[in-house]
């Protein structure tokens, strides 16, 4: 993102996210339904922190923010409530730190709503410099397609849940109603405020989602819940989810997203491919 500091548009989709992940990312990352794009994480870390500072992701999933932080010479702390992703993130962060002298990375299993207590118990008492995260939402996402050759029938989706075991962790926000998601996020942001330096920055990525046929303005929900926890929105950017070339934006959309939009158009209903992710930047409210 060098040289684009004045722009509110981040050219984060010039490469497909699959090709943004190299050998530091294990093949199992594809099983997670809502992975942050490495280019978005990298841009946020590069803009809002400096080498040797500490970057935290309180809902770290497979550890994308942590890997990119270490790559950029920062140290990283991650927390997630689903143990399978914690184990995967630990392995990947260990590989990243092995090749980066002076950086360290730690990943813990726990609830982001108990973040301050958890970090204190782990003896990580120093305030962190930057928090970058993408909250989970919706119990099921689009996932990846199984073709008719695999199913001997119609196309089905796989790897579409935030957990692969029998049940989600009780702290899993993705399985919550919008009301519970709102309350849960307020608790998480309050904990982020407790562990962030006074002049630290909170960066949250989000996009609208559909719940029971109703579009939820998730970015606005993030802004409101963060404000309730003592943060103030200072910047807002659009991270492109497609490649800009020849005057056109070629969107990297999932099979199911494209199929749904196509079906709505055929039914005469207006619908569009999502072409960007909101990047919401917060500081302390004065």
C-alpha atoms as a PDB file:
ATOM      1  CA  UNK A   1       0.000   0.000   0.000  1.00  0.00           C
ATOM      2  CA  UNK A   2       3.032   2.252  -0.169  1.00  0.00           C
ATOM      3  CA  UNK A   3       2.326   5.612  -1.747  1.00  0.00           C
ATOM      4  CA  UNK A   4      -1.469   5.434  -1.279  1.00  0.00           C
ATOM      5  CA  UNK A   5      -1.764   6.948   2.191  1.00  0.00           C
ATOM      6  CA  UNK A   6      -4.101   9.735   0.982  1.00  0.00           C
ATOM      7  CA  UNK A   7      -6.552   7.386  -0.729  1.00  0.00           C
ATOM      8  CA  UNK A   8      -9.666   6.007   0.938  1.00  0.00           C
ATOM      9  CA  UNK A   9      -9.718   3.184  -1.638  1.00  0.00           C
ATOM     10  CA  UNK A  10      -7.369   0.278  -0.962  1.00  0.00           C
ATOM     11  CA  UNK A  11      -6.315  -1.732  -4.026  1.00  0.00           C
ATOM     12  CA  UNK A  12      -6.404  -4.955  -2.014  1.00  0.00           C
ATOM     13  CA  UNK A  13      -7.798  -7.218  -4.699  1.00  0.00           C
ATOM     14  CA  UNK A  14      -5.243  -6.958  -7.495  1.00  0.00           C
ATOM     15  CA  UNK A  15      -4.443 -10.611  -6.783  1.00  0.00           C
ATOM     16  CA  UNK A  16      -6.997 -13.267  -5.896  1.00  0.00           C
ATOM     17  CA  UNK A  17      -6.885 -13.988  -2.143  1.00  0.00           C
ATOM     18  CA  UNK A  18      -5.906 -17.571  -2.876  1.00  0.00           C
ATOM     19  CA  UNK A  19      -2.675 -16.320  -4.430  1.00  0.00           C
ATOM     20  CA  UNK A  20      -2.064 -13.824  -1.635  1.00  0.00           C
ATOM     21  CA  UNK A  21      -1.391 -16.769   0.707  1.00  0.00           C
ATOM     22  CA  UNK A  22       2.012 -18.417   0.323  1.00  0.00           C
ATOM     23  CA  UNK A  23       3.806 -21.267   2.091  1.00  0.00           C
ATOM     24  CA  UNK A  24       3.249 -19.688   5.532  1.00  0.00           C
ATOM     25  CA  UNK A  25      -0.430 -20.541   5.095  1.00  0.00           C
ATOM     26  CA  UNK A  26      -1.346 -24.209   5.505  1.00  0.00           C
ATOM     27  CA  UNK A  27      -3.840 -25.875   3.113  1.00  0.00           C
ATOM     28  CA  UNK A  28      -6.282 -26.241   6.034  1.00  0.00           C
ATOM     29  CA  UNK A  29      -6.931 -22.477   6.059  1.00  0.00           C
ATOM     30  CA  UNK A  30      -9.431 -23.057   3.255  1.00  0.00           C
ATOM     31  CA  UNK A  31     -11.694 -24.798   5.761  1.00  0.00           C
ATOM     32  CA  UNK A  32     -12.352 -21.479   7.539  1.00  0.00           C
ATOM     33  CA  UNK A  33     -15.331 -19.705   5.947  1.00  0.00           C
ATOM     34  CA  UNK A  34     -14.343 -16.071   6.601  1.00  0.00           C
ATOM     35  CA  UNK A  35     -10.638 -15.475   6.177  1.00  0.00           C
ATOM     36  CA  UNK A  36      -9.322 -11.917   6.159  1.00  0.00           C
ATOM     37  CA  UNK A  37      -7.429 -11.171   2.976  1.00  0.00           C
ATOM     38  CA  UNK A  38      -3.671 -10.895   3.642  1.00  0.00           C
ATOM     39  CA  UNK A  39      -3.474  -7.700   1.584  1.00  0.00           C
ATOM     40  CA  UNK A  40      -6.072  -5.978   3.790  1.00  0.00           C
ATOM     41  CA  UNK A  41      -4.368  -7.073   7.008  1.00  0.00           C
ATOM     42  CA  UNK A  42      -0.981  -6.010   5.664  1.00  0.00           C
ATOM     43  CA  UNK A  43      -2.230  -2.568   4.610  1.00  0.00           C
ATOM     44  CA  UNK A  44      -3.792  -1.898   8.022  1.00  0.00           C
ATOM     45  CA  UNK A  45      -0.693  -3.017   9.914  1.00  0.00           C
ATOM     46  CA  UNK A  46       1.626  -1.027   7.656  1.00  0.00           C
ATOM     47  CA  UNK A  47      -0.440   2.159   7.996  1.00  0.00           C
ATOM     48  CA  UNK A  48      -1.217   2.144  11.707  1.00  0.00           C
ATOM     49  CA  UNK A  49       1.812   0.587  13.421  1.00  0.00           C
ATOM     50  CA  UNK A  50       5.598   0.619  13.332  1.00  0.00           C
ATOM     51  CA  UNK A  51       8.205  -2.169  13.405  1.00  0.00           C
ATOM     52  CA  UNK A  52       8.714  -3.728  16.869  1.00  0.00           C
ATOM     53  CA  UNK A  53       5.225  -2.728  18.024  1.00  0.00           C
ATOM     54  CA  UNK A  54       2.615  -5.260  19.154  1.00  0.00           C
ATOM     55  CA  UNK A  55      -0.444  -6.102  17.031  1.00  0.00           C
ATOM     56  CA  UNK A  56      -3.456  -7.933  18.491  1.00  0.00           C
ATOM     57  CA  UNK A  57      -6.332  -9.783  16.843  1.00  0.00           C
ATOM     58  CA  UNK A  58      -8.916 -10.745  19.494  1.00  0.00           C
ATOM     59  CA  UNK A  59     -10.894 -12.924  17.041  1.00  0.00           C
ATOM     60  CA  UNK A  60      -7.960 -14.210  15.040  1.00  0.00           C
ATOM     61  CA  UNK A  61      -9.363 -17.267  13.232  1.00  0.00           C
ATOM     62  CA  UNK A  62      -6.575 -18.849  11.177  1.00  0.00           C
ATOM     63  CA  UNK A  63      -4.135 -16.063  12.152  1.00  0.00           C
ATOM     64  CA  UNK A  64      -3.879 -13.928   9.011  1.00  0.00           C
ATOM     65  CA  UNK A  65      -3.355 -10.670  10.950  1.00  0.00           C
ATOM     66  CA  UNK A  66      -0.694 -12.331  13.096  1.00  0.00           C
ATOM     67  CA  UNK A  67       1.249 -13.756  10.160  1.00  0.00           C
ATOM     68  CA  UNK A  68       1.255 -10.462   8.285  1.00  0.00           C
ATOM     69  CA  UNK A  69       2.231  -8.550  11.436  1.00  0.00           C
ATOM     70  CA  UNK A  70       5.275 -10.763  11.967  1.00  0.00           C
ATOM     71  CA  UNK A  71       6.164 -10.405   8.298  1.00  0.00           C
ATOM     72  CA  UNK A  72       6.233  -6.642   8.732  1.00  0.00           C
ATOM     73  CA  UNK A  73       8.532  -6.816  11.751  1.00  0.00           C
ATOM     74  CA  UNK A  74       5.870  -6.506  14.434  1.00  0.00           C
ATOM     75  CA  UNK A  75       5.072  -8.935  17.226  1.00  0.00           C
ATOM     76  CA  UNK A  76       1.624 -10.450  17.374  1.00  0.00           C
ATOM     77  CA  UNK A  77      -0.980 -11.744  19.834  1.00  0.00           C
ATOM     78  CA  UNK A  78      -4.067 -13.664  18.776  1.00  0.00           C
ATOM     79  CA  UNK A  79      -7.111 -15.002  20.611  1.00  0.00           C
ATOM     80  CA  UNK A  80      -9.883 -17.239  19.314  1.00  0.00           C
ATOM     81  CA  UNK A  81     -12.591 -19.275  21.019  1.00  0.00           C
ATOM     82  CA  UNK A  82     -12.512 -22.220  18.575  1.00  0.00           C
ATOM     83  CA  UNK A  83      -9.623 -24.519  19.471  1.00  0.00           C
ATOM     84  CA  UNK A  84      -9.169 -25.937  15.968  1.00  0.00           C
ATOM     85  CA  UNK A  85      -8.357 -22.479  14.599  1.00  0.00           C
ATOM     86  CA  UNK A  86      -6.135 -21.695  17.590  1.00  0.00           C
ATOM     87  CA  UNK A  87      -4.022 -24.770  16.856  1.00  0.00           C
ATOM     88  CA  UNK A  88      -3.779 -23.901  13.171  1.00  0.00           C
ATOM     89  CA  UNK A  89      -2.910 -20.266  13.900  1.00  0.00           C
ATOM     90  CA  UNK A  90      -0.235 -21.312  16.415  1.00  0.00           C
ATOM     91  CA  UNK A  91       1.444 -23.539  13.870  1.00  0.00           C
ATOM     92  CA  UNK A  92       1.440 -20.875  11.187  1.00  0.00           C
ATOM     93  CA  UNK A  93       2.628 -18.101  13.504  1.00  0.00           C
ATOM     94  CA  UNK A  94       5.465 -20.343  14.704  1.00  0.00           C
ATOM     95  CA  UNK A  95       6.572 -20.768  11.084  1.00  0.00           C
ATOM     96  CA  UNK A  96       6.383 -17.007  10.528  1.00  0.00           C
ATOM     97  CA  UNK A  97       8.415 -16.090  13.623  1.00  0.00           C
ATOM     98  CA  UNK A  98      11.050 -18.732  12.855  1.00  0.00           C
ATOM     99  CA  UNK A  99      12.146 -16.691   9.847  1.00  0.00           C
ATOM    100  CA  UNK A 100      11.802 -13.250  11.429  1.00  0.00           C
ATOM    101  CA  UNK A 101      14.434 -12.318  14.021  1.00  0.00           C
ATOM    102  CA  UNK A 102      13.187 -10.044  16.790  1.00  0.00           C
ATOM    103  CA  UNK A 103       9.468 -10.704  16.302  1.00  0.00           C
ATOM    104  CA  UNK A 104       7.379 -13.013  18.441  1.00  0.00           C
ATOM    105  CA  UNK A 105       3.873 -14.358  18.146  1.00  0.00           C
ATOM    106  CA  UNK A 106       1.493 -15.936  20.643  1.00  0.00           C
ATOM    107  CA  UNK A 107      -1.963 -17.424  20.124  1.00  0.00           C
ATOM    108  CA  UNK A 108      -4.359 -18.222  22.973  1.00  0.00           C
ATOM    109  CA  UNK A 109      -7.643 -20.054  23.239  1.00  0.00           C
ATOM    110  CA  UNK A 110     -10.276 -17.935  24.947  1.00  0.00           C
ATOM    111  CA  UNK A 111     -13.199 -15.548  24.772  1.00  0.00           C
ATOM    112  CA  UNK A 112     -12.481 -12.055  23.416  1.00  0.00           C
ATOM    113  CA  UNK A 113     -15.037 -10.752  25.929  1.00  0.00           C
ATOM    114  CA  UNK A 114     -12.509 -11.688  28.652  1.00  0.00           C
ATOM    115  CA  UNK A 115      -9.501 -10.312  26.786  1.00  0.00           C
ATOM    116  CA  UNK A 116      -7.899  -8.207  29.541  1.00  0.00           C
ATOM    117  CA  UNK A 117      -8.049 -11.030  32.093  1.00  0.00           C
ATOM    118  CA  UNK A 118      -6.752 -13.559  29.590  1.00  0.00           C
ATOM    119  CA  UNK A 119      -3.729 -11.474  28.599  1.00  0.00           C
ATOM    120  CA  UNK A 120      -2.947 -10.751  32.230  1.00  0.00           C
ATOM    121  CA  UNK A 121      -3.087 -14.467  33.061  1.00  0.00           C
ATOM    122  CA  UNK A 122      -0.698 -15.124  30.174  1.00  0.00           C
ATOM    123  CA  UNK A 123       1.614 -12.394  31.547  1.00  0.00           C
ATOM    124  CA  UNK A 124       1.172 -10.195  28.524  1.00  0.00           C
ATOM    125  CA  UNK A 125       0.437  -7.076  30.570  1.00  0.00           C
ATOM    126  CA  UNK A 126       1.921  -4.427  28.300  1.00  0.00           C
ATOM    127  CA  UNK A 127      -0.730  -2.486  26.365  1.00  0.00           C
ATOM    128  CA  UNK A 128      -0.815  -3.354  22.672  1.00  0.00           C
ATOM    129  CA  UNK A 129      -0.174  -0.740  19.993  1.00  0.00           C
ATOM    130  CA  UNK A 130      -2.683  -1.807  17.346  1.00  0.00           C
ATOM    131  CA  UNK A 131      -5.739  -4.053  17.161  1.00  0.00           C
ATOM    132  CA  UNK A 132      -6.828  -5.387  13.759  1.00  0.00           C
ATOM    133  CA  UNK A 133      -9.758  -7.768  13.505  1.00  0.00           C
ATOM    134  CA  UNK A 134     -12.710  -8.953  11.438  1.00  0.00           C
ATOM    135  CA  UNK A 135     -15.634 -10.017  13.642  1.00  0.00           C
ATOM    136  CA  UNK A 136     -17.572 -13.160  12.708  1.00  0.00           C
ATOM    137  CA  UNK A 137     -21.201 -12.836  11.673  1.00  0.00           C
ATOM    138  CA  UNK A 138     -23.884 -15.193  10.419  1.00  0.00           C
ATOM    139  CA  UNK A 139     -23.877 -18.839  11.515  1.00  0.00           C
ATOM    140  CA  UNK A 140     -23.286 -19.978   7.928  1.00  0.00           C
ATOM    141  CA  UNK A 141     -21.353 -18.319   5.101  1.00  0.00           C
ATOM    142  CA  UNK A 142     -21.129 -19.208   1.415  1.00  0.00           C
ATOM    143  CA  UNK A 143     -18.262 -21.657   1.815  1.00  0.00           C
ATOM    144  CA  UNK A 144     -16.787 -23.538  -1.127  1.00  0.00           C
ATOM    145  CA  UNK A 145     -18.727 -25.487  -3.779  1.00  0.00           C
ATOM    146  CA  UNK A 146     -18.929 -29.247  -4.075  1.00  0.00           C
ATOM    147  CA  UNK A 147     -19.616 -29.976  -7.738  1.00  0.00           C
ATOM    148  CA  UNK A 148     -22.129 -32.447  -9.104  1.00  0.00           C
ATOM    149  CA  UNK A 149     -19.217 -34.820  -9.752  1.00  0.00           C
ATOM    150  CA  UNK A 150     -18.544 -34.934  -6.008  1.00  0.00           C
ATOM    151  CA  UNK A 151     -22.167 -35.138  -4.901  1.00  0.00           C
ATOM    152  CA  UNK A 152     -23.692 -37.127  -7.796  1.00  0.00           C
ATOM    153  CA  UNK A 153     -26.418 -34.498  -7.657  1.00  0.00           C
ATOM    154  CA  UNK A 154     -26.668 -30.746  -7.365  1.00  0.00           C
ATOM    155  CA  UNK A 155     -23.952 -28.329  -6.308  1.00  0.00           C
ATOM    156  CA  UNK A 156     -23.550 -28.177  -2.520  1.00  0.00           C
ATOM    157  CA  UNK A 157     -21.463 -26.019  -0.223  1.00  0.00           C
ATOM    158  CA  UNK A 158     -18.707 -27.106   2.154  1.00  0.00           C
ATOM    159  CA  UNK A 159     -16.431 -25.392   4.690  1.00  0.00           C
ATOM    160  CA  UNK A 160     -19.205 -22.929   5.412  1.00  0.00           C
ATOM    161  CA  UNK A 161     -19.262 -22.879   9.227  1.00  0.00           C
ATOM    162  CA  UNK A 162     -16.990 -21.217  11.773  1.00  0.00           C
ATOM    163  CA  UNK A 163     -16.431 -24.579  13.436  1.00  0.00           C
ATOM    164  CA  UNK A 164     -16.088 -28.150  12.164  1.00  0.00           C
ATOM    165  CA  UNK A 165     -16.968 -30.061  15.335  1.00  0.00           C
ATOM    166  CA  UNK A 166     -20.407 -30.924  16.631  1.00  0.00           C
ATOM    167  CA  UNK A 167     -21.159 -27.548  18.201  1.00  0.00           C
ATOM    168  CA  UNK A 168     -19.809 -24.021  18.278  1.00  0.00           C
ATOM    169  CA  UNK A 169     -18.024 -22.659  21.330  1.00  0.00           C
ATOM    170  CA  UNK A 170     -20.514 -20.819  23.618  1.00  0.00           C
ATOM    171  CA  UNK A 171     -18.604 -17.569  22.985  1.00  0.00           C
ATOM    172  CA  UNK A 172     -18.894 -17.895  19.194  1.00  0.00           C
ATOM    173  CA  UNK A 173     -20.525 -14.655  18.012  1.00  0.00           C
ATOM    174  CA  UNK A 174     -21.254 -16.014  14.548  1.00  0.00           C
ATOM    175  CA  UNK A 175     -24.017 -18.222  15.945  1.00  0.00           C
ATOM    176  CA  UNK A 176     -25.734 -15.338  17.753  1.00  0.00           C
ATOM    177  CA  UNK A 177     -28.825 -13.388  16.849  1.00  0.00           C
ATOM    178  CA  UNK A 178     -28.218  -9.794  15.792  1.00  0.00           C
ATOM    179  CA  UNK A 179     -29.233  -8.663  19.281  1.00  0.00           C
ATOM    180  CA  UNK A 180     -26.746 -10.999  20.965  1.00  0.00           C
ATOM    181  CA  UNK A 181     -24.101 -10.173  18.373  1.00  0.00           C
ATOM    182  CA  UNK A 182     -24.505  -6.481  19.191  1.00  0.00           C
ATOM    183  CA  UNK A 183     -24.165  -7.058  22.933  1.00  0.00           C
ATOM    184  CA  UNK A 184     -21.218  -9.400  22.405  1.00  0.00           C
ATOM    185  CA  UNK A 185     -19.355  -6.916  20.244  1.00  0.00           C
ATOM    186  CA  UNK A 186     -19.803  -4.161  22.816  1.00  0.00           C
ATOM    187  CA  UNK A 187     -18.151  -6.406  25.413  1.00  0.00           C
ATOM    188  CA  UNK A 188     -15.291  -7.220  23.039  1.00  0.00           C
ATOM    189  CA  UNK A 189     -14.658  -3.552  22.185  1.00  0.00           C
ATOM    190  CA  UNK A 190     -14.676  -2.655  25.879  1.00  0.00           C
ATOM    191  CA  UNK A 191     -11.996  -5.297  26.455  1.00  0.00           C
ATOM    192  CA  UNK A 192     -10.028  -3.954  23.491  1.00  0.00           C
ATOM    193  CA  UNK A 193     -10.133  -0.502  25.092  1.00  0.00           C
ATOM    194  CA  UNK A 194      -8.733  -2.014  28.286  1.00  0.00           C
ATOM    195  CA  UNK A 195      -5.661  -3.544  26.594  1.00  0.00           C
ATOM    196  CA  UNK A 196      -4.941  -0.874  23.949  1.00  0.00           C
ATOM    197  CA  UNK A 197      -2.501   1.989  24.516  1.00  0.00           C
ATOM    198  CA  UNK A 198      -4.151   5.399  25.010  1.00  0.00           C
ATOM    199  CA  UNK A 199      -2.937   6.500  21.582  1.00  0.00           C
ATOM    200  CA  UNK A 200      -3.456   3.058  20.022  1.00  0.00           C
ATOM    201  CA  UNK A 201      -5.662   2.310  17.024  1.00  0.00           C
ATOM    202  CA  UNK A 202      -8.483  -0.196  16.518  1.00  0.00           C
ATOM    203  CA  UNK A 203      -9.086  -1.336  12.916  1.00  0.00           C
ATOM    204  CA  UNK A 204     -12.172  -3.414  12.114  1.00  0.00           C
ATOM    205  CA  UNK A 205     -13.142  -4.803   8.709  1.00  0.00           C
ATOM    206  CA  UNK A 206     -16.793  -5.559   7.975  1.00  0.00           C
ATOM    207  CA  UNK A 207     -19.386  -5.813   5.253  1.00  0.00           C
ATOM    208  CA  UNK A 208     -23.188  -6.084   5.206  1.00  0.00           C
ATOM    209  CA  UNK A 209     -24.723  -9.552   5.541  1.00  0.00           C
ATOM    210  CA  UNK A 210     -28.166 -11.096   5.151  1.00  0.00           C
ATOM    211  CA  UNK A 211     -30.098 -12.564   8.064  1.00  0.00           C
ATOM    212  CA  UNK A 212     -33.474 -14.251   7.383  1.00  0.00           C
ATOM    213  CA  UNK A 213     -33.744 -12.361   4.100  1.00  0.00           C
ATOM    214  CA  UNK A 214     -32.981  -8.972   5.676  1.00  0.00           C
ATOM    215  CA  UNK A 215     -29.793  -7.040   4.906  1.00  0.00           C
ATOM    216  CA  UNK A 216     -27.913  -6.118   8.082  1.00  0.00           C
ATOM    217  CA  UNK A 217     -25.732  -2.992   7.886  1.00  0.00           C
ATOM    218  CA  UNK A 218     -22.893  -4.609   9.788  1.00  0.00           C
ATOM    219  CA  UNK A 219     -20.398  -1.738   9.341  1.00  0.00           C
ATOM    220  CA  UNK A 220     -22.856   0.688  10.977  1.00  0.00           C
ATOM    221  CA  UNK A 221     -23.433  -1.815  13.782  1.00  0.00           C
ATOM    222  CA  UNK A 222     -19.658  -1.938  14.335  1.00  0.00           C
ATOM    223  CA  UNK A 223     -19.455   1.872  14.500  1.00  0.00           C
ATOM    224  CA  UNK A 224     -22.274   2.076  17.041  1.00  0.00           C
ATOM    225  CA  UNK A 225     -21.023  -0.722  19.298  1.00  0.00           C
ATOM    226  CA  UNK A 226     -17.479   0.671  19.237  1.00  0.00           C
ATOM    227  CA  UNK A 227     -18.806   4.118  20.168  1.00  0.00           C
ATOM    228  CA  UNK A 228     -20.678   2.580  23.096  1.00  0.00           C
ATOM    229  CA  UNK A 229     -17.352   1.120  24.279  1.00  0.00           C
ATOM    230  CA  UNK A 230     -15.525   4.459  24.170  1.00  0.00           C
ATOM    231  CA  UNK A 231     -14.098   4.527  20.636  1.00  0.00           C
ATOM    232  CA  UNK A 232     -14.559   7.206  17.982  1.00  0.00           C
ATOM    233  CA  UNK A 233     -14.465   6.564  14.240  1.00  0.00           C
ATOM    234  CA  UNK A 234     -11.526   8.487  12.758  1.00  0.00           C
ATOM    235  CA  UNK A 235     -11.216   7.046   9.233  1.00  0.00           C
ATOM    236  CA  UNK A 236     -13.213   4.885   6.876  1.00  0.00           C
ATOM    237  CA  UNK A 237     -11.762   3.108   3.846  1.00  0.00           C
ATOM    238  CA  UNK A 238     -12.992   0.733   1.159  1.00  0.00           C
ATOM    239  CA  UNK A 239     -10.787  -2.314   0.558  1.00  0.00           C
ATOM    240  CA  UNK A 240     -11.579  -3.552  -2.935  1.00  0.00           C
ATOM    241  CA  UNK A 241     -12.605  -7.207  -3.294  1.00  0.00           C
ATOM    242  CA  UNK A 242     -11.658  -7.323  -6.925  1.00  0.00           C
ATOM    243  CA  UNK A 243      -8.987  -6.465  -9.467  1.00  0.00           C
ATOM    244  CA  UNK A 244      -9.116  -3.014 -11.040  1.00  0.00           C
ATOM    245  CA  UNK A 245      -7.984  -3.274 -14.654  1.00  0.00           C
ATOM    246  CA  UNK A 246      -8.883  -1.548 -17.906  1.00  0.00           C
ATOM    247  CA  UNK A 247     -11.356   0.723 -16.141  1.00  0.00           C
ATOM    248  CA  UNK A 248     -13.318  -2.246 -14.773  1.00  0.00           C
ATOM    249  CA  UNK A 249     -13.496  -3.856 -11.353  1.00  0.00           C
ATOM    250  CA  UNK A 250     -13.378  -7.634 -11.734  1.00  0.00           C
ATOM    251  CA  UNK A 251     -14.792  -8.952  -8.467  1.00  0.00           C
ATOM    252  CA  UNK A 252     -13.371 -12.020  -6.704  1.00  0.00           C
ATOM    253  CA  UNK A 253     -16.778 -13.353  -5.611  1.00  0.00           C
ATOM    254  CA  UNK A 254     -17.655 -16.847  -4.425  1.00  0.00           C
ATOM    255  CA  UNK A 255     -19.615 -19.227  -6.626  1.00  0.00           C
ATOM    256  CA  UNK A 256     -22.604 -19.043  -4.280  1.00  0.00           C
ATOM    257  CA  UNK A 257     -22.589 -15.247  -4.106  1.00  0.00           C
ATOM    258  CA  UNK A 258     -22.552 -14.981  -7.901  1.00  0.00           C
ATOM    259  CA  UNK A 259     -25.259 -17.629  -8.204  1.00  0.00           C
ATOM    260  CA  UNK A 260     -27.504 -15.851  -5.676  1.00  0.00           C
ATOM    261  CA  UNK A 261     -27.145 -12.478  -7.393  1.00  0.00           C
ATOM    262  CA  UNK A 262     -27.854 -14.068 -10.775  1.00  0.00           C
ATOM    263  CA  UNK A 263     -31.018 -15.730  -9.439  1.00  0.00           C
ATOM    264  CA  UNK A 264     -32.281 -12.468  -7.941  1.00  0.00           C
ATOM    265  CA  UNK A 265     -31.710 -10.645 -11.232  1.00  0.00           C
ATOM    266  CA  UNK A 266     -33.628 -13.335 -13.103  1.00  0.00           C
ATOM    267  CA  UNK A 267     -36.472 -12.861 -10.621  1.00  0.00           C
ATOM    268  CA  UNK A 268     -36.489  -9.133 -11.340  1.00  0.00           C
ATOM    269  CA  UNK A 269     -35.034  -8.125  -7.975  1.00  0.00           C
ATOM    270  CA  UNK A 270     -32.106  -5.658  -7.836  1.00  0.00           C
ATOM    271  CA  UNK A 271     -28.966  -7.220  -6.390  1.00  0.00           C
ATOM    272  CA  UNK A 272     -25.257  -6.555  -6.682  1.00  0.00           C
ATOM    273  CA  UNK A 273     -21.982  -8.324  -6.038  1.00  0.00           C
ATOM    274  CA  UNK A 274     -20.207  -6.984  -2.978  1.00  0.00           C
ATOM    275  CA  UNK A 275     -17.148  -5.200  -4.301  1.00  0.00           C
ATOM    276  CA  UNK A 276     -15.497  -3.895  -1.150  1.00  0.00           C
ATOM    277  CA  UNK A 277     -14.940  -4.443   2.544  1.00  0.00           C
ATOM    278  CA  UNK A 278     -15.361  -1.501   4.897  1.00  0.00           C
ATOM    279  CA  UNK A 279     -12.201  -0.710   6.885  1.00  0.00           C
ATOM    280  CA  UNK A 280     -13.231   1.171  10.026  1.00  0.00           C
ATOM    281  CA  UNK A 281     -10.466   2.938  11.966  1.00  0.00           C
ATOM    282  CA  UNK A 282     -11.049   4.013  15.568  1.00  0.00           C
ATOM    283  CA  UNK A 283      -9.213   5.966  18.212  1.00  0.00           C
ATOM    284  CA  UNK A 284     -10.210   6.783  21.763  1.00  0.00           C
ATOM    285  CA  UNK A 285     -13.213   9.053  22.120  1.00  0.00           C
ATOM    286  CA  UNK A 286     -12.152  12.410  23.556  1.00  0.00           C
END
